[in-house]
């Protein structure tokens, strides 16, 4: 299952490596907090579950700039003049 991360298919599906990493991380937190998997567990780890959910289009990235976590990740930035 981890081999799927080497494929460009999953990277292109979510729009890049950074977005893929962020999506997996968010889903892992949900699973560890008790969320039900959207695919059969079959003895797989939470990481493998998150990857399979992405491959099966069960979860998709929704990065919203109104999310407080999103704003916290982006400190006040001003371009150099």
C-alpha atoms as a PDB file:
ATOM      1  CA  UNK A   1       0.000   0.000   0.000  1.00  0.00           C
ATOM      2  CA  UNK A   2       2.804   2.410   0.805  1.00  0.00           C
ATOM      3  CA  UNK A   3       4.051   1.759  -2.733  1.00  0.00           C
ATOM      4  CA  UNK A   4       1.050   3.820  -3.873  1.00  0.00           C
ATOM      5  CA  UNK A   5       2.835   6.914  -2.549  1.00  0.00           C
ATOM      6  CA  UNK A   6       5.553   6.407  -5.162  1.00  0.00           C
ATOM      7  CA  UNK A   7       2.989   6.705  -7.950  1.00  0.00           C
ATOM      8  CA  UNK A   8       2.269  10.041  -9.597  1.00  0.00           C
ATOM      9  CA  UNK A   9      -1.407   9.000  -9.771  1.00  0.00           C
ATOM     10  CA  UNK A  10      -2.124   9.737  -6.107  1.00  0.00           C
ATOM     11  CA  UNK A  11      -0.002  12.910  -6.161  1.00  0.00           C
ATOM     12  CA  UNK A  12      -1.832  14.277  -9.204  1.00  0.00           C
ATOM     13  CA  UNK A  13      -5.191  13.243  -7.754  1.00  0.00           C
ATOM     14  CA  UNK A  14      -4.857  15.694  -4.859  1.00  0.00           C
ATOM     15  CA  UNK A  15      -2.808  18.379  -6.575  1.00  0.00           C
ATOM     16  CA  UNK A  16       0.739  17.840  -5.343  1.00  0.00           C
ATOM     17  CA  UNK A  17       2.940  16.262  -2.710  1.00  0.00           C
ATOM     18  CA  UNK A  18       2.329  18.942  -0.074  1.00  0.00           C
ATOM     19  CA  UNK A  19      -1.453  18.669  -0.396  1.00  0.00           C
ATOM     20  CA  UNK A  20      -1.197  14.882  -0.284  1.00  0.00           C
ATOM     21  CA  UNK A  21       0.847  15.036   2.908  1.00  0.00           C
ATOM     22  CA  UNK A  22      -1.586  17.501   4.503  1.00  0.00           C
ATOM     23  CA  UNK A  23      -4.606  15.408   3.504  1.00  0.00           C
ATOM     24  CA  UNK A  24      -3.082  12.203   4.871  1.00  0.00           C
ATOM     25  CA  UNK A  25      -2.141  13.970   8.106  1.00  0.00           C
ATOM     26  CA  UNK A  26      -5.649  15.363   8.616  1.00  0.00           C
ATOM     27  CA  UNK A  27      -7.236  11.993   7.945  1.00  0.00           C
ATOM     28  CA  UNK A  28      -4.802  10.207  10.270  1.00  0.00           C
ATOM     29  CA  UNK A  29      -5.786  12.573  13.087  1.00  0.00           C
ATOM     30  CA  UNK A  30      -9.466  11.836  12.415  1.00  0.00           C
ATOM     31  CA  UNK A  31      -8.873   8.088  12.410  1.00  0.00           C
ATOM     32  CA  UNK A  32      -6.823   8.233  15.605  1.00  0.00           C
ATOM     33  CA  UNK A  33      -9.604  10.283  17.224  1.00  0.00           C
ATOM     34  CA  UNK A  34     -12.057   7.477  16.469  1.00  0.00           C
ATOM     35  CA  UNK A  35     -13.478   8.280  13.019  1.00  0.00           C
ATOM     36  CA  UNK A  36     -14.713   5.222  11.151  1.00  0.00           C
ATOM     37  CA  UNK A  37     -12.726   4.145   8.104  1.00  0.00           C
ATOM     38  CA  UNK A  38     -14.539   4.496   4.773  1.00  0.00           C
ATOM     39  CA  UNK A  39     -12.894   1.321   3.461  1.00  0.00           C
ATOM     40  CA  UNK A  40     -12.552  -2.144   4.977  1.00  0.00           C
ATOM     41  CA  UNK A  41      -9.770  -2.240   7.564  1.00  0.00           C
ATOM     42  CA  UNK A  42      -8.625  -5.825   6.849  1.00  0.00           C
ATOM     43  CA  UNK A  43      -5.760  -5.493   9.342  1.00  0.00           C
ATOM     44  CA  UNK A  44      -4.316  -2.380   7.689  1.00  0.00           C
ATOM     45  CA  UNK A  45      -2.778   0.526   9.577  1.00  0.00           C
ATOM     46  CA  UNK A  46      -4.404   3.958   9.770  1.00  0.00           C
ATOM     47  CA  UNK A  47      -1.856   5.245   7.243  1.00  0.00           C
ATOM     48  CA  UNK A  48      -2.771   2.504   4.776  1.00  0.00           C
ATOM     49  CA  UNK A  49      -6.473   3.228   5.352  1.00  0.00           C
ATOM     50  CA  UNK A  50      -5.993   6.954   4.630  1.00  0.00           C
ATOM     51  CA  UNK A  51      -4.078   6.201   1.421  1.00  0.00           C
ATOM     52  CA  UNK A  52      -6.718   3.724   0.234  1.00  0.00           C
ATOM     53  CA  UNK A  53      -9.493   6.236   0.949  1.00  0.00           C
ATOM     54  CA  UNK A  54      -7.696   8.788  -1.230  1.00  0.00           C
ATOM     55  CA  UNK A  55      -7.119   6.260  -4.030  1.00  0.00           C
ATOM     56  CA  UNK A  56     -10.817   5.326  -3.986  1.00  0.00           C
ATOM     57  CA  UNK A  57     -11.888   9.012  -3.966  1.00  0.00           C
ATOM     58  CA  UNK A  58     -13.575   8.561  -0.590  1.00  0.00           C
ATOM     59  CA  UNK A  59     -11.820  11.703   0.653  1.00  0.00           C
ATOM     60  CA  UNK A  60     -10.644  14.715  -1.323  1.00  0.00           C
ATOM     61  CA  UNK A  61      -8.684  17.800  -0.303  1.00  0.00           C
ATOM     62  CA  UNK A  62     -10.679  20.865   0.699  1.00  0.00           C
ATOM     63  CA  UNK A  63      -8.261  23.568   1.725  1.00  0.00           C
ATOM     64  CA  UNK A  64     -10.258  26.551   2.923  1.00  0.00           C
ATOM     65  CA  UNK A  65      -8.554  29.838   3.735  1.00  0.00           C
ATOM     66  CA  UNK A  66     -11.277  30.590   6.316  1.00  0.00           C
ATOM     67  CA  UNK A  67     -10.153  27.601   8.383  1.00  0.00           C
ATOM     68  CA  UNK A  68      -8.327  28.865  11.505  1.00  0.00           C
ATOM     69  CA  UNK A  69      -5.763  26.052  11.179  1.00  0.00           C
ATOM     70  CA  UNK A  70      -5.013  27.214   7.634  1.00  0.00           C
ATOM     71  CA  UNK A  71      -4.399  30.774   8.816  1.00  0.00           C
ATOM     72  CA  UNK A  72      -2.225  29.588  11.689  1.00  0.00           C
ATOM     73  CA  UNK A  73      -0.061  27.730   9.198  1.00  0.00           C
ATOM     74  CA  UNK A  74       0.449  30.941   7.225  1.00  0.00           C
ATOM     75  CA  UNK A  75       1.993  33.654   9.398  1.00  0.00           C
ATOM     76  CA  UNK A  76       1.511  37.280   8.464  1.00  0.00           C
ATOM     77  CA  UNK A  77       3.604  37.514   5.362  1.00  0.00           C
ATOM     78  CA  UNK A  78       4.441  40.639   3.459  1.00  0.00           C
ATOM     79  CA  UNK A  79       6.348  40.713   0.192  1.00  0.00           C
ATOM     80  CA  UNK A  80       9.735  42.379   0.158  1.00  0.00           C
ATOM     81  CA  UNK A  81       9.796  45.677  -1.631  1.00  0.00           C
END
